[in-house]
C-alpha atoms as a PDB file:
ATOM      1  CA  MET A   1     -34.484  70.291  15.582  1.00  0.00           C
ATOM      2  CA  ARG A   2     -34.872  69.932  19.518  1.00  0.00           C
ATOM      3  CA  ASP A   3     -36.244  66.633  21.198  1.00  0.00           C
ATOM      4  CA  VAL A   4     -38.770  67.621  23.501  1.00  0.00           C
ATOM      5  CA  THR A   5     -40.244  64.010  24.375  1.00  0.00           C
ATOM      6  CA  LYS A   6     -38.919  64.158  27.981  1.00  0.00           C
ATOM      7  CA  THR A   7     -39.093  67.690  29.215  1.00  0.00           C
ATOM      8  CA  LYS A   8     -41.656  67.347  31.795  1.00  0.00           C
ATOM      9  CA  PRO A   9     -40.748  66.818  35.416  1.00  0.00           C
ATOM     10  CA  SER A  10     -43.443  63.697  35.660  1.00  0.00           C
ATOM     11  CA  HIS A  11     -40.967  61.915  33.223  1.00  0.00           C
ATOM     12  CA  TYR A  12     -38.278  61.804  35.914  1.00  0.00           C
ATOM     13  CA  ALA A  13     -40.577  60.993  39.033  1.00  0.00           C
ATOM     14  CA  PRO A  14     -40.869  57.522  40.176  1.00  0.00           C
ATOM     15  CA  GLN A  15     -44.110  55.908  39.763  1.00  0.00           C
ATOM     16  CA  ARG A  16     -45.699  55.484  43.017  1.00  0.00           C
ATOM     17  CA  ALA A  17     -49.124  53.995  41.983  1.00  0.00           C
ATOM     18  CA  ALA A  18     -48.221  50.251  42.062  1.00  0.00           C
ATOM     19  CA  ALA A  19     -46.885  50.460  45.468  1.00  0.00           C
ATOM     20  CA  SER A  20     -50.345  51.428  46.814  1.00  0.00           C
ATOM     21  CA  ALA A  21     -52.214  48.501  45.189  1.00  0.00           C
ATOM     22  CA  PRO A  22     -53.376  45.811  47.716  1.00  0.00           C
ATOM     23  CA  VAL A  23     -51.328  42.597  47.734  1.00  0.00           C
ATOM     24  CA  ILE A  24     -53.593  39.552  47.295  1.00  0.00           C
ATOM     25  CA  ASP A  25     -51.866  36.281  49.017  1.00  0.00           C
ATOM     26  CA  VAL A  26     -55.041  33.798  48.631  1.00  0.00           C
ATOM     27  CA  PRO A  27     -56.976  32.846  45.684  1.00  0.00           C
ATOM     28  CA  THR A  28     -60.265  34.465  45.271  1.00  0.00           C
ATOM     29  CA  THR A  29     -62.105  32.184  42.917  1.00  0.00           C
ATOM     30  CA  ALA A  30     -63.919  28.947  44.187  1.00  0.00           C
ATOM     31  CA  GLU A  31     -61.604  26.685  41.911  1.00  0.00           C
ATOM     32  CA  GLY A  32     -58.491  28.574  43.088  1.00  0.00           C
ATOM     33  CA  MET A  33     -59.401  27.984  46.861  1.00  0.00           C
ATOM     34  CA  LYS A  34     -60.020  24.286  46.187  1.00  0.00           C
ATOM     35  CA  LEU A  35     -56.654  23.925  44.659  1.00  0.00           C
ATOM     36  CA  ALA A  36     -54.915  26.046  47.436  1.00  0.00           C
ATOM     37  CA  LYS A  37     -56.700  23.549  49.805  1.00  0.00           C
ATOM     38  CA  GLU A  38     -55.516  20.552  47.998  1.00  0.00           C
ATOM     39  CA  VAL A  39     -51.892  21.959  47.817  1.00  0.00           C
ATOM     40  CA  GLY A  40     -51.946  22.581  51.642  1.00  0.00           C
ATOM     41  CA  GLU A  41     -52.953  18.994  52.420  1.00  0.00           C
ATOM     42  CA  ALA A  42     -50.271  17.661  50.228  1.00  0.00           C
ATOM     43  CA  SER A  43     -47.881  15.888  52.637  1.00  0.00           C
ATOM     44  CA  ASN A  44     -45.243  15.430  50.169  1.00  0.00           C
ATOM     45  CA  LEU A  45     -44.295  19.053  49.516  1.00  0.00           C
ATOM     46  CA  SER A  46     -42.232  21.381  51.657  1.00  0.00           C
ATOM     47  CA  THR A  47     -43.481  24.785  53.053  1.00  0.00           C
ATOM     48  CA  GLU A  48     -41.634  26.577  50.236  1.00  0.00           C
ATOM     49  CA  ALA A  49     -43.056  24.740  47.642  1.00  0.00           C
ATOM     50  CA  LYS A  50     -46.708  24.991  48.820  1.00  0.00           C
ATOM     51  CA  ALA A  51     -46.064  28.772  49.049  1.00  0.00           C
ATOM     52  CA  LYS A  52     -44.889  28.844  45.423  1.00  0.00           C
ATOM     53  CA  LEU A  53     -47.675  26.773  44.081  1.00  0.00           C
ATOM     54  CA  ILE A  54     -50.362  28.965  45.944  1.00  0.00           C
ATOM     55  CA  ARG A  55     -48.459  31.923  44.408  1.00  0.00           C
ATOM     56  CA  SER A  56     -49.101  30.713  40.913  1.00  0.00           C
ATOM     57  CA  ILE A  57     -52.480  29.906  41.592  1.00  0.00           C
ATOM     58  CA  VAL A  58     -53.033  33.794  42.629  1.00  0.00           C
ATOM     59  CA  ASP A  59     -50.863  35.017  39.822  1.00  0.00           C
ATOM     60  CA  TYR A  60     -53.055  32.837  37.452  1.00  0.00           C
ATOM     61  CA  GLU A  61     -56.175  34.281  38.806  1.00  0.00           C
ATOM     62  CA  ALA A  62     -54.821  38.002  38.562  1.00  0.00           C
ATOM     63  CA  THR A  63     -54.122  37.285  34.995  1.00  0.00           C
ATOM     64  CA  HIS A  64     -57.051  35.011  33.624  1.00  0.00           C
ATOM     65  CA  GLY A  65     -59.980  35.834  36.110  1.00  0.00           C
ATOM     66  CA  GLN A  66     -60.260  32.135  37.054  1.00  0.00           C
ATOM     67  CA  CYS A  67     -58.360  28.783  36.837  1.00  0.00           C
ATOM     68  CA  SER A  68     -58.746  26.864  33.665  1.00  0.00           C
ATOM     69  CA  LEU A  69     -59.018  23.060  33.470  1.00  0.00           C
ATOM     70  CA  THR A  70     -55.793  22.843  32.109  1.00  0.00           C
ATOM     71  CA  PHE A  71     -53.966  24.771  34.756  1.00  0.00           C
ATOM     72  CA  SER A  72     -56.002  22.639  37.483  1.00  0.00           C
ATOM     73  CA  ARG A  73     -54.608  19.549  35.662  1.00  0.00           C
ATOM     74  CA  LYS A  74     -51.060  20.951  35.719  1.00  0.00           C
ATOM     75  CA  LEU A  75     -51.068  22.063  39.254  1.00  0.00           C
ATOM     76  CA  ARG A  76     -52.502  18.708  40.610  1.00  0.00           C
ATOM     77  CA  LYS A  77     -49.896  16.863  38.578  1.00  0.00           C
ATOM     78  CA  ALA A  78     -47.405  19.074  40.497  1.00  0.00           C
ATOM     79  CA  ILE A  79     -48.996  18.068  43.683  1.00  0.00           C
ATOM     80  CA  ARG A  80     -48.723  14.164  43.339  1.00  0.00           C
ATOM     81  CA  PRO A  81     -45.724  12.436  44.758  1.00  0.00           C
ATOM     82  CA  ALA A  82     -43.315  11.082  42.423  1.00  0.00           C
ATOM     83  CA  SER A  83     -43.755   7.253  41.859  1.00  0.00           C
ATOM     84  CA  SER A  84     -40.781   4.990  42.125  1.00  0.00           C
END
């Protein structure tokens, strides 16, 4: 018997469809924009931390459609300054 599962040239070509998809850098839902604004106004966070939190909002929206109440609470908890 001969294995013929990978005999087409298309199996060896790299996938290019993912590279042409537009990259979204800002939240698109109302709740996501509200959370991103709160992150931007947080004075206790570094620029890198703010960028990471905003990216997590965008990623969450991409997978779930909109920000849930649980996600919003989790993000707001990350924004709050640590108490002494």
